Amino acid sequence: MAAEKGKKIVSTSEAQTLILKEIYESIKKTIPQGEVASLSSIEITTEYYEVTGPQFPPLFGFSIHNYGPDAVWVCINSKLKKRKINIDDDWALNMGAGVIKRLYLVCEPGENATVDVDITY
């Protein structure tokens, strides 16, 4: 049996190894490293603040505490959808996989707040 031009013929064991490597790389993306980075006393204003960390993105989850004096809006992966976190409120989210590519925080016009953020990667 001749190989197509430009393609290599591999043995069954080599093919299995290649497939297992692909499966491993795919599964690795769904297993968190178990690391948490804490970002303290972040000042949020009317300009979008993009949360970043040592392994960001992707994130598996995060938790946010809003110290106020105003509410904070959280946007995940898009600035179009927002969730409000009121003063002295917490919000934690675990997606179960590394699917959070972007995390933004913003306040309404004329408002500001201080938050702590823990990100899980």
C-alpha atoms as a PDB file:
ATOM      1  CA  MET A   1       0.000   0.000   0.000  1.00  0.00           C
ATOM      2  CA  ALA A   2       1.519   3.318  -1.041  1.00  0.00           C
ATOM      3  CA  ALA A   3       1.123   6.488   0.967  1.00  0.00           C
ATOM      4  CA  GLU A   4      -0.498   9.537  -0.572  1.00  0.00           C
ATOM      5  CA  LYS A   5       2.000  12.128  -1.682  1.00  0.00           C
ATOM      6  CA  GLY A   6       3.196  14.145   1.309  1.00  0.00           C
ATOM      7  CA  LYS A   7       1.686  11.757   3.899  1.00  0.00           C
ATOM      8  CA  LYS A   8       3.623   9.391   6.078  1.00  0.00           C
ATOM      9  CA  ILE A   9       2.584   5.859   6.907  1.00  0.00           C
ATOM     10  CA  VAL A  10       2.830   5.148  10.643  1.00  0.00           C
ATOM     11  CA  SER A  11       2.496   1.956  12.612  1.00  0.00           C
ATOM     12  CA  THR A  12      -0.551   1.197  14.742  1.00  0.00           C
ATOM     13  CA  SER A  13       1.372   1.883  17.946  1.00  0.00           C
ATOM     14  CA  GLU A  14       2.601   5.253  16.604  1.00  0.00           C
ATOM     15  CA  ALA A  15      -0.955   6.167  15.619  1.00  0.00           C
ATOM     16  CA  GLN A  16      -2.217   5.216  19.093  1.00  0.00           C
ATOM     17  CA  THR A  17       0.483   7.354  20.697  1.00  0.00           C
ATOM     18  CA  LEU A  18      -0.470  10.346  18.540  1.00  0.00           C
ATOM     19  CA  ILE A  19      -4.155   9.912  19.374  1.00  0.00           C
ATOM     20  CA  LEU A  20      -3.420   9.590  23.107  1.00  0.00           C
ATOM     21  CA  LYS A  21      -1.330  12.778  22.984  1.00  0.00           C
ATOM     22  CA  GLU A  22      -4.249  14.629  21.365  1.00  0.00           C
ATOM     23  CA  ILE A  23      -6.653  13.280  23.996  1.00  0.00           C
ATOM     24  CA  TYR A  24      -4.266  14.285  26.786  1.00  0.00           C
ATOM     25  CA  GLU A  25      -3.920  17.844  25.451  1.00  0.00           C
ATOM     26  CA  SER A  26      -7.702  18.122  25.189  1.00  0.00           C
ATOM     27  CA  ILE A  27      -8.302  16.820  28.730  1.00  0.00           C
ATOM     28  CA  LYS A  28      -5.542  19.025  30.149  1.00  0.00           C
ATOM     29  CA  LYS A  29      -7.586  22.080  29.163  1.00  0.00           C
ATOM     30  CA  THR A  30     -10.429  20.942  31.454  1.00  0.00           C
ATOM     31  CA  ILE A  31      -8.293  20.329  34.549  1.00  0.00           C
ATOM     32  CA  PRO A  32      -7.514  23.389  36.649  1.00  0.00           C
ATOM     33  CA  GLN A  33      -3.981  23.850  37.881  1.00  0.00           C
ATOM     34  CA  GLY A  34      -5.439  24.447  41.321  1.00  0.00           C
ATOM     35  CA  GLU A  35      -3.829  27.865  41.623  1.00  0.00           C
ATOM     36  CA  VAL A  36      -5.561  30.955  42.984  1.00  0.00           C
ATOM     37  CA  ALA A  37      -4.291  34.490  42.432  1.00  0.00           C
ATOM     38  CA  SER A  38      -5.594  37.186  44.768  1.00  0.00           C
ATOM     39  CA  LEU A  39      -5.919  40.736  43.503  1.00  0.00           C
ATOM     40  CA  SER A  40      -6.633  43.143  46.371  1.00  0.00           C
ATOM     41  CA  SER A  41      -8.027  46.658  46.553  1.00  0.00           C
ATOM     42  CA  ILE A  42      -8.680  47.165  42.853  1.00  0.00           C
ATOM     43  CA  GLU A  43     -10.166  50.590  42.158  1.00  0.00           C
ATOM     44  CA  ILE A  44     -13.036  50.320  39.666  1.00  0.00           C
ATOM     45  CA  THR A  45     -14.306  53.379  37.793  1.00  0.00           C
ATOM     46  CA  THR A  46     -16.434  54.049  34.729  1.00  0.00           C
ATOM     47  CA  GLU A  47     -13.678  52.689  32.475  1.00  0.00           C
ATOM     48  CA  TYR A  48     -13.649  48.927  31.973  1.00  0.00           C
ATOM     49  CA  TYR A  49     -11.019  47.225  34.116  1.00  0.00           C
ATOM     50  CA  GLU A  50      -9.800  43.936  32.626  1.00  0.00           C
ATOM     51  CA  VAL A  51      -8.781  41.435  35.287  1.00  0.00           C
ATOM     52  CA  THR A  52      -5.524  39.667  34.481  1.00  0.00           C
ATOM     53  CA  GLY A  53      -3.354  37.185  36.319  1.00  0.00           C
ATOM     54  CA  PRO A  54      -0.301  34.970  35.940  1.00  0.00           C
ATOM     55  CA  GLN A  55      -2.110  32.320  33.872  1.00  0.00           C
ATOM     56  CA  PHE A  56      -4.942  34.386  32.458  1.00  0.00           C
ATOM     57  CA  PRO A  57      -6.709  33.314  30.252  1.00  0.00           C
ATOM     58  CA  PRO A  58      -8.358  30.939  30.577  1.00  0.00           C
ATOM     59  CA  LEU A  59      -9.878  30.970  34.031  1.00  0.00           C
ATOM     60  CA  PHE A  60     -11.951  28.259  35.636  1.00  0.00           C
ATOM     61  CA  GLY A  61     -13.587  30.590  38.120  1.00  0.00           C
ATOM     62  CA  PHE A  62     -13.380  33.685  40.284  1.00  0.00           C
ATOM     63  CA  SER A  63     -14.796  35.340  43.371  1.00  0.00           C
ATOM     64  CA  ILE A  64     -15.331  39.065  43.868  1.00  0.00           C
ATOM     65  CA  HIS A  65     -16.099  41.137  46.968  1.00  0.00           C
ATOM     66  CA  ASN A  66     -17.304  44.708  46.476  1.00  0.00           C
ATOM     67  CA  TYR A  67     -16.417  47.136  49.289  1.00  0.00           C
ATOM     68  CA  GLY A  68     -18.240  50.022  47.589  1.00  0.00           C
ATOM     69  CA  PRO A  69     -19.040  52.871  47.844  1.00  0.00           C
ATOM     70  CA  ASP A  70     -21.019  51.972  44.691  1.00  0.00           C
ATOM     71  CA  ALA A  71     -22.136  48.876  42.787  1.00  0.00           C
ATOM     72  CA  VAL A  72     -19.847  47.103  40.315  1.00  0.00           C
ATOM     73  CA  TRP A  73     -20.828  45.404  37.077  1.00  0.00           C
ATOM     74  CA  VAL A  74     -19.059  42.195  36.040  1.00  0.00           C
ATOM     75  CA  CYS A  75     -18.755  41.108  32.405  1.00  0.00           C
ATOM     76  CA  ILE A  76     -17.561  37.637  31.426  1.00  0.00           C
ATOM     77  CA  ASN A  77     -16.046  37.167  27.949  1.00  0.00           C
ATOM     78  CA  SER A  78     -18.086  40.072  26.573  1.00  0.00           C
ATOM     79  CA  LYS A  79     -18.881  43.617  27.631  1.00  0.00           C
ATOM     80  CA  LEU A  80     -22.444  43.149  26.380  1.00  0.00           C
ATOM     81  CA  LYS A  81     -23.770  41.079  29.309  1.00  0.00           C
ATOM     82  CA  LYS A  82     -23.355  42.358  32.847  1.00  0.00           C
ATOM     83  CA  ARG A  83     -24.097  41.174  36.369  1.00  0.00           C
ATOM     84  CA  LYS A  84     -24.398  43.654  39.204  1.00  0.00           C
ATOM     85  CA  ILE A  85     -22.570  43.238  42.511  1.00  0.00           C
ATOM     86  CA  ASN A  86     -23.918  45.558  45.183  1.00  0.00           C
ATOM     87  CA  ILE A  87     -21.966  47.141  48.043  1.00  0.00           C
ATOM     88  CA  ASP A  88     -20.639  44.575  50.573  1.00  0.00           C
ATOM     89  CA  ASP A  89     -21.764  41.763  48.282  1.00  0.00           C
ATOM     90  CA  ASP A  90     -19.824  38.748  47.042  1.00  0.00           C
ATOM     91  CA  TRP A  91     -20.121  36.746  43.864  1.00  0.00           C
ATOM     92  CA  ALA A  92     -18.300  33.517  43.135  1.00  0.00           C
ATOM     93  CA  LEU A  93     -18.470  31.528  39.921  1.00  0.00           C
ATOM     94  CA  ASN A  94     -16.887  28.194  39.001  1.00  0.00           C
ATOM     95  CA  MET A  95     -17.350  27.246  35.346  1.00  0.00           C
ATOM     96  CA  GLY A  96     -15.833  23.770  35.762  1.00  0.00           C
ATOM     97  CA  ALA A  97     -13.556  24.333  32.777  1.00  0.00           C
ATOM     98  CA  GLY A  98     -11.167  26.990  31.554  1.00  0.00           C
ATOM     99  CA  VAL A  99     -13.723  28.919  29.533  1.00  0.00           C
ATOM    100  CA  ILE A 100     -13.371  32.432  30.946  1.00  0.00           C
ATOM    101  CA  LYS A 101     -11.266  34.290  28.410  1.00  0.00           C
ATOM    102  CA  ARG A 102     -11.976  37.842  29.609  1.00  0.00           C
ATOM    103  CA  LEU A 103     -13.228  39.296  32.886  1.00  0.00           C
ATOM    104  CA  TYR A 104     -14.171  42.983  33.038  1.00  0.00           C
ATOM    105  CA  LEU A 105     -15.317  45.186  35.931  1.00  0.00           C
ATOM    106  CA  VAL A 106     -16.953  48.598  35.549  1.00  0.00           C
ATOM    107  CA  CYS A 107     -19.098  51.127  37.461  1.00  0.00           C
ATOM    108  CA  GLU A 108     -21.956  53.307  36.303  1.00  0.00           C
ATOM    109  CA  PRO A 109     -21.141  56.908  35.253  1.00  0.00           C
ATOM    110  CA  GLY A 110     -20.095  59.010  38.249  1.00  0.00           C
ATOM    111  CA  GLU A 111     -19.601  55.948  40.476  1.00  0.00           C
ATOM    112  CA  ASN A 112     -16.603  53.981  41.728  1.00  0.00           C
ATOM    113  CA  ALA A 113     -15.822  51.023  43.970  1.00  0.00           C
ATOM    114  CA  THR A 114     -13.020  48.986  45.493  1.00  0.00           C
ATOM    115  CA  VAL A 115     -13.029  45.223  45.012  1.00  0.00           C
ATOM    116  CA  ASP A 116     -10.991  42.143  45.858  1.00  0.00           C
ATOM    117  CA  VAL A 117     -10.832  39.424  43.197  1.00  0.00           C
ATOM    118  CA  ASP A 118      -9.610  35.840  43.479  1.00  0.00           C
ATOM    119  CA  ILE A 119      -9.115  34.051  40.166  1.00  0.00           C
ATOM    120  CA  THR A 120      -8.767  30.277  39.732  1.00  0.00           C
ATOM    121  CA  TYR A 121      -6.759  28.810  36.880  1.00  0.00           C
END
